[in-house]
Amino acid sequence: MVKTNRSRRSLDNSDSQNKKSFFSERIFVIFTYSCLVFLAGFLIYGYYAFIYTPPRDTLIQIDSQSYNAIDISREMGFASVYKNEMNTALESLLSRMPNLLKNEYILNEFGAQLVGTIDEDEIRFRAVKLLSIKEDSYKENSLILDETLSNIRDKSQISRDRILSYAKSTIIQERLKGIFSEEVGTTSELVFIKRIDIDGEAEAATFFADYEAGQNISSLIDEYNKVIQLQEIGWRIRGYTGIDIPLDVNSLDLNKLSGPVKDGRKSYFYYFDKINKDGLVTEPILDSYSKMQIYNFIQLQIPNINYLELNVDASLGDYIVRESGKLRLALGEQALENINQEWSYSVR
């Protein structure tokens, strides 16, 4: 009888241990799977939040048109090949993309109201020139343009409409230049612009301090002749010195120095060396004036658009440059292989 009770207690203990072991293993399995599920969820979230989403977040918004990092990389790749930017550093081009996109939008949206109707044939022919398609070949077979547009779309995902939109904006800009050129007579008040280049921050600071202390430009040029370079910009219409020159230069008086324009270690100073109150307006002078007026026109329209530009962080900037570089190579190769296109040295 004693042995039987002990046996039962032994069996009960064994069952209890087995149950505990079973539940422990079950808990371990559940815990392990829970950890794996959590880890998988964490990785998926991390991929979505930090890898998948950033290139697709809106970086530039112009009214209803939005551009993310993928869009901008495509625009840059296209611009570097087809907008005479083949030799431009992509990092430098990235900083200009917001203005390029904004200016094109404003020209198409508001400039078109001033220049009249632009028919489709004119836009297509401008696209032929933009893509360096042989004009004789296009006249013989207009489908060559459509084939080229399809090839570009396949290589870069830049659509036909996007390219034709840019072609249209160049026509509008050209017509606006003509309109603004008509405002200027054969003569106008001109200024001859010179620029002083100084390589070295300390030298530039000392030079400008001496000027502010009352020393005139001629004596400064003589004193600092070993550390400066003197550049002649040329004649410009007073008040419209051009978009390549800081705007505050327009308000300078004769032989008065502009503030320093810094570019790394270099500093640039502008001044008017001569004034001609009735100077002859040549084509280069007129071209500079027209570009300045187009710039002013664009600036006046900016308040009329809903514009949002977000800052591009370093990682997104690297992404855009890297992807646009790939597109530049692909588009450049496609263009050079296309027998219907003729390319200048800048593409090679």
C-alpha atoms as a PDB file:
ATOM      1  CA  MET A   1       0.000   0.000   0.000  1.00  0.00           C
ATOM      2  CA  VAL A   2       2.871   2.409   0.764  1.00  0.00           C
ATOM      3  CA  LYS A   3       4.586   1.569  -2.489  1.00  0.00           C
ATOM      4  CA  THR A   4       1.402   2.337  -4.436  1.00  0.00           C
ATOM      5  CA  ASN A   5       1.054   5.808  -2.874  1.00  0.00           C
ATOM      6  CA  ARG A   6       4.688   6.574  -3.597  1.00  0.00           C
ATOM      7  CA  SER A   7       4.225   5.463  -7.174  1.00  0.00           C
ATOM      8  CA  ARG A   8       1.214   7.703  -7.558  1.00  0.00           C
ATOM      9  CA  ARG A   9       3.066  10.654  -6.050  1.00  0.00           C
ATOM     10  CA  SER A  10       5.958   9.950  -8.403  1.00  0.00           C
ATOM     11  CA  LEU A  11       3.627   9.862 -11.424  1.00  0.00           C
ATOM     12  CA  ASP A  12       1.916  13.071 -10.266  1.00  0.00           C
ATOM     13  CA  ASN A  13       5.292  14.805  -9.904  1.00  0.00           C
ATOM     14  CA  SER A  14       6.361  13.577 -13.315  1.00  0.00           C
ATOM     15  CA  ASP A  15       3.136  14.862 -14.914  1.00  0.00           C
ATOM     16  CA  SER A  16       3.598  18.168 -13.161  1.00  0.00           C
ATOM     17  CA  GLN A  17       7.181  18.473 -14.436  1.00  0.00           C
ATOM     18  CA  ASN A  18       6.100  17.559 -17.943  1.00  0.00           C
ATOM     19  CA  LYS A  19       3.358  20.180 -17.851  1.00  0.00           C
ATOM     20  CA  LYS A  20       5.791  22.808 -16.560  1.00  0.00           C
ATOM     21  CA  SER A  21       8.289  21.862 -19.253  1.00  0.00           C
ATOM     22  CA  PHE A  22       5.585  22.026 -21.923  1.00  0.00           C
ATOM     23  CA  PHE A  23       4.401  25.457 -20.805  1.00  0.00           C
ATOM     24  CA  SER A  24       7.991  26.720 -20.543  1.00  0.00           C
ATOM     25  CA  GLU A  25       8.748  25.583 -24.071  1.00  0.00           C
ATOM     26  CA  ARG A  26       5.494  27.101 -25.299  1.00  0.00           C
ATOM     27  CA  ILE A  27       6.265  30.416 -23.614  1.00  0.00           C
ATOM     28  CA  PHE A  28       9.775  30.334 -25.089  1.00  0.00           C
ATOM     29  CA  VAL A  29       8.401  29.683 -28.584  1.00  0.00           C
ATOM     30  CA  ILE A  30       5.800  32.433 -28.219  1.00  0.00           C
ATOM     31  CA  PHE A  31       8.422  34.834 -26.883  1.00  0.00           C
ATOM     32  CA  THR A  32      10.830  33.963 -29.709  1.00  0.00           C
ATOM     33  CA  TYR A  33       8.194  34.449 -32.389  1.00  0.00           C
ATOM     34  CA  SER A  34       7.088  37.705 -30.758  1.00  0.00           C
ATOM     35  CA  CYS A  35      10.678  38.963 -30.848  1.00  0.00           C
ATOM     36  CA  LEU A  36      11.029  37.955 -34.483  1.00  0.00           C
ATOM     37  CA  VAL A  37       7.753  39.661 -35.373  1.00  0.00           C
ATOM     38  CA  PHE A  38       8.808  42.789 -33.476  1.00  0.00           C
ATOM     39  CA  LEU A  39      12.225  42.763 -35.142  1.00  0.00           C
ATOM     40  CA  ALA A  40      10.664  42.280 -38.589  1.00  0.00           C
ATOM     41  CA  GLY A  41       8.225  45.122 -37.911  1.00  0.00           C
ATOM     42  CA  PHE A  42      11.047  47.325 -36.691  1.00  0.00           C
ATOM     43  CA  LEU A  43      13.127  46.590 -39.799  1.00  0.00           C
ATOM     44  CA  ILE A  44      10.159  47.190 -42.113  1.00  0.00           C
ATOM     45  CA  TYR A  45       9.393  50.471 -40.385  1.00  0.00           C
ATOM     46  CA  GLY A  46      13.052  51.506 -40.507  1.00  0.00           C
ATOM     47  CA  TYR A  47      13.271  50.673 -44.212  1.00  0.00           C
ATOM     48  CA  TYR A  48      10.045  52.544 -44.960  1.00  0.00           C
ATOM     49  CA  ALA A  49      10.849  55.575 -42.796  1.00  0.00           C
ATOM     50  CA  PHE A  50      14.544  55.987 -43.538  1.00  0.00           C
ATOM     51  CA  ILE A  51      15.164  54.390 -46.946  1.00  0.00           C
ATOM     52  CA  TYR A  52      11.927  54.088 -48.938  1.00  0.00           C
ATOM     53  CA  THR A  53      10.119  57.285 -47.890  1.00  0.00           C
ATOM     54  CA  PRO A  54      12.802  60.059 -47.995  1.00  0.00           C
ATOM     55  CA  PRO A  55      13.371  59.957 -51.789  1.00  0.00           C
ATOM     56  CA  ARG A  56       9.583  60.146 -52.233  1.00  0.00           C
ATOM     57  CA  ASP A  57       8.909  63.026 -49.859  1.00  0.00           C
ATOM     58  CA  THR A  58       8.017  66.321 -51.552  1.00  0.00           C
ATOM     59  CA  LEU A  59      11.028  68.655 -51.630  1.00  0.00           C
ATOM     60  CA  ILE A  60       9.719  71.349 -53.991  1.00  0.00           C
ATOM     61  CA  GLN A  61       6.074  72.354 -54.454  1.00  0.00           C
ATOM     62  CA  ILE A  62       4.997  74.826 -57.159  1.00  0.00           C
ATOM     63  CA  ASP A  63       1.215  75.212 -57.084  1.00  0.00           C
ATOM     64  CA  SER A  64      -0.070  71.691 -57.858  1.00  0.00           C
ATOM     65  CA  GLN A  65       3.267  70.419 -59.166  1.00  0.00           C
ATOM     66  CA  SER A  66       5.464  68.608 -56.683  1.00  0.00           C
ATOM     67  CA  TYR A  67       8.998  67.264 -56.983  1.00  0.00           C
ATOM     68  CA  ASN A  68      10.654  64.677 -54.762  1.00  0.00           C
ATOM     69  CA  ALA A  69      14.278  63.509 -54.765  1.00  0.00           C
ATOM     70  CA  ILE A  70      13.580  60.999 -57.534  1.00  0.00           C
ATOM     71  CA  ASP A  71      12.013  63.710 -59.715  1.00  0.00           C
ATOM     72  CA  ILE A  72      14.861  66.137 -59.074  1.00  0.00           C
ATOM     73  CA  SER A  73      17.501  63.527 -59.917  1.00  0.00           C
ATOM     74  CA  ARG A  74      15.747  62.938 -63.253  1.00  0.00           C
ATOM     75  CA  GLU A  75      15.535  66.679 -63.923  1.00  0.00           C
ATOM     76  CA  MET A  76      19.243  67.062 -63.138  1.00  0.00           C
ATOM     77  CA  GLY A  77      20.262  64.129 -65.295  1.00  0.00           C
ATOM     78  CA  PHE A  78      18.283  65.544 -68.193  1.00  0.00           C
ATOM     79  CA  ALA A  79      19.507  69.118 -67.640  1.00  0.00           C
ATOM     80  CA  SER A  80      23.164  68.106 -67.524  1.00  0.00           C
ATOM     81  CA  VAL A  81      22.896  66.537 -70.994  1.00  0.00           C
ATOM     82  CA  TYR A  82      20.316  68.655 -72.820  1.00  0.00           C
ATOM     83  CA  LYS A  83      20.690  72.129 -71.293  1.00  0.00           C
ATOM     84  CA  ASN A  84      24.398  72.732 -71.957  1.00  0.00           C
ATOM     85  CA  GLU A  85      25.320  71.615 -68.437  1.00  0.00           C
ATOM     86  CA  MET A  86      27.382  68.547 -69.320  1.00  0.00           C
ATOM     87  CA  ASN A  87      30.547  70.009 -67.800  1.00  0.00           C
ATOM     88  CA  THR A  88      28.800  71.447 -64.734  1.00  0.00           C
ATOM     89  CA  ALA A  89      29.457  69.729 -61.410  1.00  0.00           C
ATOM     90  CA  LEU A  90      26.248  67.999 -60.356  1.00  0.00           C
ATOM     91  CA  GLU A  91      26.603  69.318 -56.796  1.00  0.00           C
ATOM     92  CA  SER A  92      26.561  72.856 -58.214  1.00  0.00           C
ATOM     93  CA  LEU A  93      23.610  72.058 -60.467  1.00  0.00           C
ATOM     94  CA  LEU A  94      21.621  70.718 -57.501  1.00  0.00           C
ATOM     95  CA  SER A  95      21.654  74.115 -55.784  1.00  0.00           C
ATOM     96  CA  ARG A  96      20.240  75.716 -58.948  1.00  0.00           C
ATOM     97  CA  MET A  97      17.438  73.214 -59.559  1.00  0.00           C
ATOM     98  CA  PRO A  98      14.757  74.986 -57.454  1.00  0.00           C
ATOM     99  CA  ASN A  99      15.193  78.206 -59.443  1.00  0.00           C
ATOM    100  CA  LEU A 100      15.341  76.385 -62.784  1.00  0.00           C
ATOM    101  CA  LEU A 101      12.065  74.592 -62.057  1.00  0.00           C
ATOM    102  CA  LYS A 102      10.401  77.701 -60.633  1.00  0.00           C
ATOM    103  CA  ASN A 103      11.490  79.905 -63.554  1.00  0.00           C
ATOM    104  CA  GLU A 104      10.249  77.410 -66.131  1.00  0.00           C
ATOM    105  CA  TYR A 105       6.881  77.164 -64.393  1.00  0.00           C
ATOM    106  CA  ILE A 106       6.459  80.954 -64.238  1.00  0.00           C
ATOM    107  CA  LEU A 107       7.459  81.420 -67.875  1.00  0.00           C
ATOM    108  CA  ASN A 108       4.907  78.840 -69.025  1.00  0.00           C
ATOM    109  CA  GLU A 109       2.173  79.996 -66.651  1.00  0.00           C
ATOM    110  CA  PHE A 110       2.509  83.802 -66.853  1.00  0.00           C
ATOM    111  CA  GLY A 111       4.936  84.589 -69.661  1.00  0.00           C
ATOM    112  CA  ALA A 112       2.693  82.873 -72.184  1.00  0.00           C
ATOM    113  CA  GLN A 113       0.075  85.551 -71.534  1.00  0.00           C
ATOM    114  CA  LEU A 114       2.422  88.210 -72.921  1.00  0.00           C
ATOM    115  CA  VAL A 115       3.895  86.495 -75.961  1.00  0.00           C
ATOM    116  CA  GLY A 116       0.800  85.172 -77.723  1.00  0.00           C
ATOM    117  CA  THR A 117      -0.099  81.728 -78.992  1.00  0.00           C
ATOM    118  CA  ILE A 118       2.635  79.136 -79.510  1.00  0.00           C
ATOM    119  CA  ASP A 119       1.512  76.341 -81.800  1.00  0.00           C
ATOM    120  CA  GLU A 120       2.491  72.708 -81.393  1.00  0.00           C
ATOM    121  CA  ASP A 121       4.671  72.644 -84.509  1.00  0.00           C
ATOM    122  CA  GLU A 122       6.837  75.456 -83.122  1.00  0.00           C
ATOM    123  CA  ILE A 123       7.205  73.647 -79.798  1.00  0.00           C
ATOM    124  CA  ARG A 124       8.135  70.400 -81.553  1.00  0.00           C
ATOM    125  CA  PHE A 125      10.719  72.144 -83.713  1.00  0.00           C
ATOM    126  CA  ARG A 126      12.235  73.771 -80.631  1.00  0.00           C
ATOM    127  CA  ALA A 127      12.427  70.316 -79.032  1.00  0.00           C
ATOM    128  CA  VAL A 128      14.286  69.135 -82.150  1.00  0.00           C
ATOM    129  CA  LYS A 129      16.887  71.842 -81.555  1.00  0.00           C
ATOM    130  CA  LEU A 130      16.983  71.123 -77.820  1.00  0.00           C
ATOM    131  CA  LEU A 131      17.693  67.433 -78.418  1.00  0.00           C
ATOM    132  CA  SER A 132      20.171  68.192 -81.231  1.00  0.00           C
ATOM    133  CA  ILE A 133      18.180  66.151 -83.754  1.00  0.00           C
ATOM    134  CA  LYS A 134      19.275  66.691 -87.344  1.00  0.00           C
ATOM    135  CA  GLU A 135      16.833  69.213 -88.789  1.00  0.00           C
ATOM    136  CA  ASP A 136      16.971  67.723 -92.287  1.00  0.00           C
ATOM    137  CA  SER A 137      16.137  64.301 -90.899  1.00  0.00           C
ATOM    138  CA  TYR A 138      13.219  65.725 -88.925  1.00  0.00           C
ATOM    139  CA  LYS A 139      11.829  67.516 -91.981  1.00  0.00           C
ATOM    140  CA  GLU A 140      11.944  64.258 -93.906  1.00  0.00           C
ATOM    141  CA  ASN A 141      10.390  62.248 -91.084  1.00  0.00           C
ATOM    142  CA  SER A 142       8.853  64.079 -88.110  1.00  0.00           C
ATOM    143  CA  LEU A 143       8.451  60.774 -86.229  1.00  0.00           C
ATOM    144  CA  ILE A 144      12.185  60.921 -85.475  1.00  0.00           C
ATOM    145  CA  LEU A 145      11.366  63.342 -82.661  1.00  0.00           C
ATOM    146  CA  ASP A 146       8.815  60.951 -81.168  1.00  0.00           C
ATOM    147  CA  GLU A 147      11.298  58.066 -81.352  1.00  0.00           C
ATOM    148  CA  THR A 148      13.934  60.147 -79.575  1.00  0.00           C
ATOM    149  CA  LEU A 149      11.444  61.236 -76.905  1.00  0.00           C
ATOM    150  CA  SER A 150      10.516  57.577 -76.349  1.00  0.00           C
ATOM    151  CA  ASN A 151      14.187  56.603 -76.004  1.00  0.00           C
ATOM    152  CA  ILE A 152      14.746  59.348 -73.445  1.00  0.00           C
ATOM    153  CA  ARG A 153      11.650  58.275 -71.508  1.00  0.00           C
ATOM    154  CA  ASP A 154      12.910  54.668 -71.425  1.00  0.00           C
ATOM    155  CA  LYS A 155      16.331  55.765 -70.184  1.00  0.00           C
ATOM    156  CA  SER A 156      15.294  58.414 -67.663  1.00  0.00           C
ATOM    157  CA  GLN A 157      11.502  58.319 -67.099  1.00  0.00           C
ATOM    158  CA  ILE A 158      11.406  61.935 -68.328  1.00  0.00           C
ATOM    159  CA  SER A 159       8.092  62.146 -70.143  1.00  0.00           C
ATOM    160  CA  ARG A 160       7.430  63.581 -73.569  1.00  0.00           C
ATOM    161  CA  ASP A 161       5.204  66.305 -72.068  1.00  0.00           C
ATOM    162  CA  ARG A 162       7.949  67.319 -69.640  1.00  0.00           C
ATOM    163  CA  ILE A 163      10.459  67.865 -72.435  1.00  0.00           C
ATOM    164  CA  LEU A 164       7.960  69.733 -74.603  1.00  0.00           C
ATOM    165  CA  SER A 165       7.112  71.930 -71.614  1.00  0.00           C
ATOM    166  CA  TYR A 166      10.753  72.924 -71.286  1.00  0.00           C
ATOM    167  CA  ALA A 167      10.958  73.557 -75.044  1.00  0.00           C
ATOM    168  CA  LYS A 168       7.921  75.841 -74.767  1.00  0.00           C
ATOM    169  CA  SER A 169       9.508  77.827 -71.920  1.00  0.00           C
ATOM    170  CA  THR A 170      12.590  78.555 -74.059  1.00  0.00           C
ATOM    171  CA  ILE A 171      10.352  79.949 -76.825  1.00  0.00           C
ATOM    172  CA  ILE A 172       8.539  82.164 -74.308  1.00  0.00           C
ATOM    173  CA  GLN A 173      11.844  83.386 -72.881  1.00  0.00           C
ATOM    174  CA  GLU A 174      13.110  84.231 -76.364  1.00  0.00           C
ATOM    175  CA  ARG A 175       9.941  86.172 -77.199  1.00  0.00           C
ATOM    176  CA  LEU A 176      10.072  88.043 -73.892  1.00  0.00           C
ATOM    177  CA  LYS A 177      13.644  89.071 -74.684  1.00  0.00           C
ATOM    178  CA  GLY A 178      12.354  90.510 -77.948  1.00  0.00           C
ATOM    179  CA  ILE A 179       9.565  92.413 -76.152  1.00  0.00           C
ATOM    180  CA  PHE A 180      11.923  93.856 -73.555  1.00  0.00           C
ATOM    181  CA  SER A 181      14.548  94.713 -76.177  1.00  0.00           C
ATOM    182  CA  GLU A 182      12.020  96.969 -77.906  1.00  0.00           C
ATOM    183  CA  GLU A 183      11.918  99.146 -74.762  1.00  0.00           C
ATOM    184  CA  VAL A 184      15.514 100.257 -75.290  1.00  0.00           C
ATOM    185  CA  GLY A 185      16.585 102.776 -77.906  1.00  0.00           C
ATOM    186  CA  THR A 186      19.799 102.663 -79.882  1.00  0.00           C
ATOM    187  CA  THR A 187      21.487 104.719 -77.161  1.00  0.00           C
ATOM    188  CA  SER A 188      21.180 104.721 -73.378  1.00  0.00           C
ATOM    189  CA  GLU A 189      23.114 105.613 -70.219  1.00  0.00           C
ATOM    190  CA  LEU A 190      25.850 103.005 -69.899  1.00  0.00           C
ATOM    191  CA  VAL A 191      28.329 102.086 -67.177  1.00  0.00           C
ATOM    192  CA  PHE A 192      31.639 100.291 -67.665  1.00  0.00           C
ATOM    193  CA  ILE A 193      31.976  97.648 -64.958  1.00  0.00           C
ATOM    194  CA  LYS A 194      35.224  96.320 -63.543  1.00  0.00           C
ATOM    195  CA  ARG A 195      35.783  93.645 -60.925  1.00  0.00           C
ATOM    196  CA  ILE A 196      38.601  93.252 -58.421  1.00  0.00           C
ATOM    197  CA  ASP A 197      39.411  89.629 -57.499  1.00  0.00           C
ATOM    198  CA  ILE A 198      41.351  88.889 -54.309  1.00  0.00           C
ATOM    199  CA  ASP A 199      42.413  85.365 -53.315  1.00  0.00           C
ATOM    200  CA  GLY A 200      42.755  85.292 -49.546  1.00  0.00           C
ATOM    201  CA  GLU A 201      40.329  86.226 -46.777  1.00  0.00           C
ATOM    202  CA  ALA A 202      42.792  88.324 -44.761  1.00  0.00           C
ATOM    203  CA  GLU A 203      43.944  90.292 -47.821  1.00  0.00           C
ATOM    204  CA  ALA A 204      40.339  90.970 -48.890  1.00  0.00           C
ATOM    205  CA  ALA A 205      39.357  92.136 -45.403  1.00  0.00           C
ATOM    206  CA  THR A 206      42.341  94.523 -45.205  1.00  0.00           C
ATOM    207  CA  PHE A 207      41.669  95.822 -48.719  1.00  0.00           C
ATOM    208  CA  PHE A 208      38.011  96.578 -47.940  1.00  0.00           C
ATOM    209  CA  ALA A 209      38.871  98.097 -44.553  1.00  0.00           C
ATOM    210  CA  ASP A 210      41.280 100.525 -46.271  1.00  0.00           C
ATOM    211  CA  TYR A 211      38.534 101.461 -48.748  1.00  0.00           C
ATOM    212  CA  GLU A 212      36.027 102.109 -45.959  1.00  0.00           C
ATOM    213  CA  ALA A 213      38.656 104.232 -44.204  1.00  0.00           C
ATOM    214  CA  GLY A 214      38.591 106.609 -47.186  1.00  0.00           C
ATOM    215  CA  GLN A 215      41.251 105.365 -49.594  1.00  0.00           C
ATOM    216  CA  ASN A 216      40.183 105.637 -53.248  1.00  0.00           C
ATOM    217  CA  ILE A 217      40.033 102.705 -55.662  1.00  0.00           C
ATOM    218  CA  SER A 218      42.954 103.789 -57.856  1.00  0.00           C
ATOM    219  CA  SER A 219      45.393 104.024 -54.951  1.00  0.00           C
ATOM    220  CA  LEU A 220      44.133 100.706 -53.550  1.00  0.00           C
ATOM    221  CA  ILE A 221      44.734  98.987 -56.899  1.00  0.00           C
ATOM    222  CA  ASP A 222      48.285 100.345 -56.956  1.00  0.00           C
ATOM    223  CA  GLU A 223      48.946  99.353 -53.342  1.00  0.00           C
ATOM    224  CA  TYR A 224      47.501  95.838 -53.649  1.00  0.00           C
ATOM    225  CA  ASN A 225      48.584  95.137 -57.241  1.00  0.00           C
ATOM    226  CA  LYS A 226      50.462  91.976 -56.241  1.00  0.00           C
ATOM    227  CA  VAL A 227      47.446  90.302 -54.605  1.00  0.00           C
ATOM    228  CA  ILE A 228      44.590  91.394 -56.871  1.00  0.00           C
ATOM    229  CA  GLN A 229      43.388  90.590 -60.370  1.00  0.00           C
ATOM    230  CA  LEU A 230      41.476  93.216 -62.303  1.00  0.00           C
ATOM    231  CA  GLN A 231      38.692  91.964 -64.600  1.00  0.00           C
ATOM    232  CA  GLU A 232      36.794  94.001 -67.188  1.00  0.00           C
ATOM    233  CA  ILE A 233      33.095  93.077 -67.272  1.00  0.00           C
ATOM    234  CA  GLY A 234      32.277  95.661 -69.949  1.00  0.00           C
ATOM    235  CA  TRP A 235      29.504  98.122 -70.748  1.00  0.00           C
ATOM    236  CA  ARG A 236      26.020  97.589 -69.336  1.00  0.00           C
ATOM    237  CA  ILE A 237      22.851  99.681 -69.198  1.00  0.00           C
ATOM    238  CA  ARG A 238      22.788 101.564 -65.922  1.00  0.00           C
ATOM    239  CA  GLY A 239      20.307 100.022 -63.518  1.00  0.00           C
ATOM    240  CA  TYR A 240      20.273  96.766 -65.492  1.00  0.00           C
ATOM    241  CA  THR A 241      23.797  95.475 -65.050  1.00  0.00           C
ATOM    242  CA  GLY A 242      22.727  91.833 -65.470  1.00  0.00           C
ATOM    243  CA  ILE A 243      21.806  88.663 -63.613  1.00  0.00           C
ATOM    244  CA  ASP A 244      25.479  87.599 -63.459  1.00  0.00           C
ATOM    245  CA  ILE A 245      26.262  90.561 -61.193  1.00  0.00           C
ATOM    246  CA  PRO A 246      24.945  91.195 -57.641  1.00  0.00           C
ATOM    247  CA  LEU A 247      21.805  93.330 -57.681  1.00  0.00           C
ATOM    248  CA  ASP A 248      23.201  95.960 -55.304  1.00  0.00           C
ATOM    249  CA  VAL A 249      25.805  96.878 -57.935  1.00  0.00           C
ATOM    250  CA  ASN A 250      22.994  98.633 -59.844  1.00  0.00           C
ATOM    251  CA  SER A 251      22.847 101.361 -57.207  1.00  0.00           C
ATOM    252  CA  LEU A 252      26.581 102.161 -57.209  1.00  0.00           C
ATOM    253  CA  ASP A 253      27.942 105.587 -58.098  1.00  0.00           C
ATOM    254  CA  LEU A 254      31.026 106.174 -60.228  1.00  0.00           C
ATOM    255  CA  ASN A 255      34.232 104.823 -58.626  1.00  0.00           C
ATOM    256  CA  LYS A 256      32.387 103.475 -55.597  1.00  0.00           C
ATOM    257  CA  LEU A 257      33.163  99.929 -54.512  1.00  0.00           C
ATOM    258  CA  SER A 258      30.554  97.241 -53.891  1.00  0.00           C
ATOM    259  CA  GLY A 259      30.645  95.088 -50.795  1.00  0.00           C
ATOM    260  CA  PRO A 260      32.641  91.851 -51.036  1.00  0.00           C
ATOM    261  CA  VAL A 261      31.099  88.873 -52.810  1.00  0.00           C
ATOM    262  CA  LYS A 262      32.681  85.791 -51.260  1.00  0.00           C
ATOM    263  CA  ASP A 263      33.365  82.521 -53.027  1.00  0.00           C
ATOM    264  CA  GLY A 264      35.388  80.265 -50.733  1.00  0.00           C
ATOM    265  CA  ARG A 265      38.719  82.003 -50.118  1.00  0.00           C
ATOM    266  CA  LYS A 266      38.118  84.450 -52.965  1.00  0.00           C
ATOM    267  CA  SER A 267      36.370  87.812 -52.746  1.00  0.00           C
ATOM    268  CA  TYR A 268      35.053  89.930 -55.620  1.00  0.00           C
ATOM    269  CA  PHE A 269      34.483  93.704 -55.609  1.00  0.00           C
ATOM    270  CA  TYR A 270      32.634  95.569 -58.401  1.00  0.00           C
ATOM    271  CA  TYR A 271      32.785  99.229 -59.410  1.00  0.00           C
ATOM    272  CA  PHE A 272      31.919 101.563 -62.310  1.00  0.00           C
ATOM    273  CA  ASP A 273      35.048 102.791 -64.033  1.00  0.00           C
ATOM    274  CA  LYS A 274      33.307 105.023 -66.611  1.00  0.00           C
ATOM    275  CA  ILE A 275      29.836 106.352 -67.390  1.00  0.00           C
ATOM    276  CA  ASN A 276      28.535 107.177 -70.865  1.00  0.00           C
ATOM    277  CA  LYS A 277      25.240 109.083 -70.679  1.00  0.00           C
ATOM    278  CA  ASP A 278      24.480 108.492 -74.367  1.00  0.00           C
ATOM    279  CA  GLY A 279      26.244 105.237 -75.193  1.00  0.00           C
ATOM    280  CA  LEU A 280      25.540 102.958 -78.139  1.00  0.00           C
ATOM    281  CA  VAL A 281      23.523  99.882 -77.121  1.00  0.00           C
ATOM    282  CA  THR A 282      25.193  96.885 -78.782  1.00  0.00           C
ATOM    283  CA  GLU A 283      23.771  93.362 -79.014  1.00  0.00           C
ATOM    284  CA  PRO A 284      25.668  92.028 -75.953  1.00  0.00           C
ATOM    285  CA  ILE A 285      24.483  95.011 -73.906  1.00  0.00           C
ATOM    286  CA  LEU A 286      20.912  94.531 -75.115  1.00  0.00           C
ATOM    287  CA  ASP A 287      21.072  90.801 -74.350  1.00  0.00           C
ATOM    288  CA  SER A 288      22.199  91.501 -70.783  1.00  0.00           C
ATOM    289  CA  TYR A 289      19.396  94.049 -70.362  1.00  0.00           C
ATOM    290  CA  SER A 290      16.759  91.621 -71.673  1.00  0.00           C
ATOM    291  CA  LYS A 291      17.909  88.851 -69.338  1.00  0.00           C
ATOM    292  CA  MET A 292      17.732  91.273 -66.418  1.00  0.00           C
ATOM    293  CA  GLN A 293      14.175  92.248 -67.363  1.00  0.00           C
ATOM    294  CA  ILE A 294      13.138  88.584 -67.579  1.00  0.00           C
ATOM    295  CA  TYR A 295      14.639  88.073 -64.118  1.00  0.00           C
ATOM    296  CA  ASN A 296      12.615  91.041 -62.828  1.00  0.00           C
ATOM    297  CA  PHE A 297       9.472  89.669 -64.502  1.00  0.00           C
ATOM    298  CA  ILE A 298       9.939  86.291 -62.787  1.00  0.00           C
ATOM    299  CA  GLN A 299      10.501  87.925 -59.401  1.00  0.00           C
ATOM    300  CA  LEU A 300       7.262  89.888 -59.773  1.00  0.00           C
ATOM    301  CA  GLN A 301       5.307  86.671 -60.420  1.00  0.00           C
ATOM    302  CA  ILE A 302       6.674  84.703 -57.458  1.00  0.00           C
ATOM    303  CA  PRO A 303       4.044  86.095 -55.018  1.00  0.00           C
ATOM    304  CA  ASN A 304       1.369  84.789 -57.407  1.00  0.00           C
ATOM    305  CA  ILE A 305       2.338  81.137 -56.964  1.00  0.00           C
ATOM    306  CA  ASN A 306       2.208  78.770 -54.008  1.00  0.00           C
ATOM    307  CA  TYR A 307       5.858  77.869 -53.681  1.00  0.00           C
ATOM    308  CA  LEU A 308       7.472  75.627 -51.108  1.00  0.00           C
ATOM    309  CA  GLU A 309      11.111  74.631 -51.097  1.00  0.00           C
ATOM    310  CA  LEU A 310      12.355  72.323 -48.362  1.00  0.00           C
ATOM    311  CA  ASN A 311      15.997  71.963 -47.459  1.00  0.00           C
ATOM    312  CA  VAL A 312      17.747  68.897 -48.889  1.00  0.00           C
ATOM    313  CA  ASP A 313      19.861  67.169 -46.250  1.00  0.00           C
ATOM    314  CA  ALA A 314      23.277  65.683 -47.021  1.00  0.00           C
ATOM    315  CA  SER A 315      22.071  62.116 -47.520  1.00  0.00           C
ATOM    316  CA  LEU A 316      19.297  63.148 -49.923  1.00  0.00           C
ATOM    317  CA  GLY A 317      21.706  65.449 -51.727  1.00  0.00           C
ATOM    318  CA  ASP A 318      24.107  62.535 -52.191  1.00  0.00           C
ATOM    319  CA  TYR A 319      21.234  60.374 -53.436  1.00  0.00           C
ATOM    320  CA  ILE A 320      20.147  62.977 -56.001  1.00  0.00           C
ATOM    321  CA  VAL A 321      23.686  63.547 -57.266  1.00  0.00           C
ATOM    322  CA  ARG A 322      24.370  59.818 -57.499  1.00  0.00           C
ATOM    323  CA  GLU A 323      21.151  59.004 -59.368  1.00  0.00           C
ATOM    324  CA  SER A 324      21.412  61.994 -61.696  1.00  0.00           C
ATOM    325  CA  GLY A 325      24.992  60.979 -62.493  1.00  0.00           C
ATOM    326  CA  LYS A 326      23.756  57.550 -63.593  1.00  0.00           C
ATOM    327  CA  LEU A 327      21.113  59.182 -65.773  1.00  0.00           C
ATOM    328  CA  ARG A 328      23.643  61.572 -67.274  1.00  0.00           C
ATOM    329  CA  LEU A 329      25.781  58.659 -68.391  1.00  0.00           C
ATOM    330  CA  ALA A 330      22.788  56.717 -69.742  1.00  0.00           C
ATOM    331  CA  LEU A 331      21.368  59.705 -71.622  1.00  0.00           C
ATOM    332  CA  GLY A 332      24.775  60.721 -72.931  1.00  0.00           C
ATOM    333  CA  GLU A 333      25.421  57.228 -74.290  1.00  0.00           C
ATOM    334  CA  GLN A 334      21.945  57.032 -75.815  1.00  0.00           C
ATOM    335  CA  ALA A 335      22.397  60.421 -77.473  1.00  0.00           C
ATOM    336  CA  LEU A 336      25.812  59.594 -78.919  1.00  0.00           C
ATOM    337  CA  GLU A 337      24.527  56.295 -80.286  1.00  0.00           C
ATOM    338  CA  ASN A 338      21.485  57.878 -81.956  1.00  0.00           C
ATOM    339  CA  ILE A 339      22.306  58.458 -85.627  1.00  0.00           C
ATOM    340  CA  ASN A 340      19.614  61.139 -85.811  1.00  0.00           C
ATOM    341  CA  GLN A 341      21.344  63.401 -83.314  1.00  0.00           C
ATOM    342  CA  GLU A 342      24.405  65.614 -83.678  1.00  0.00           C
ATOM    343  CA  TRP A 343      26.364  66.523 -80.583  1.00  0.00           C
ATOM    344  CA  SER A 344      28.780  69.292 -79.729  1.00  0.00           C
ATOM    345  CA  TYR A 345      31.981  68.860 -77.726  1.00  0.00           C
ATOM    346  CA  SER A 346      30.132  69.553 -74.457  1.00  0.00           C
ATOM    347  CA  VAL A 347      28.355  66.183 -74.588  1.00  0.00           C
ATOM    348  CA  ARG A 348      31.426  64.197 -75.479  1.00  0.00           C
END
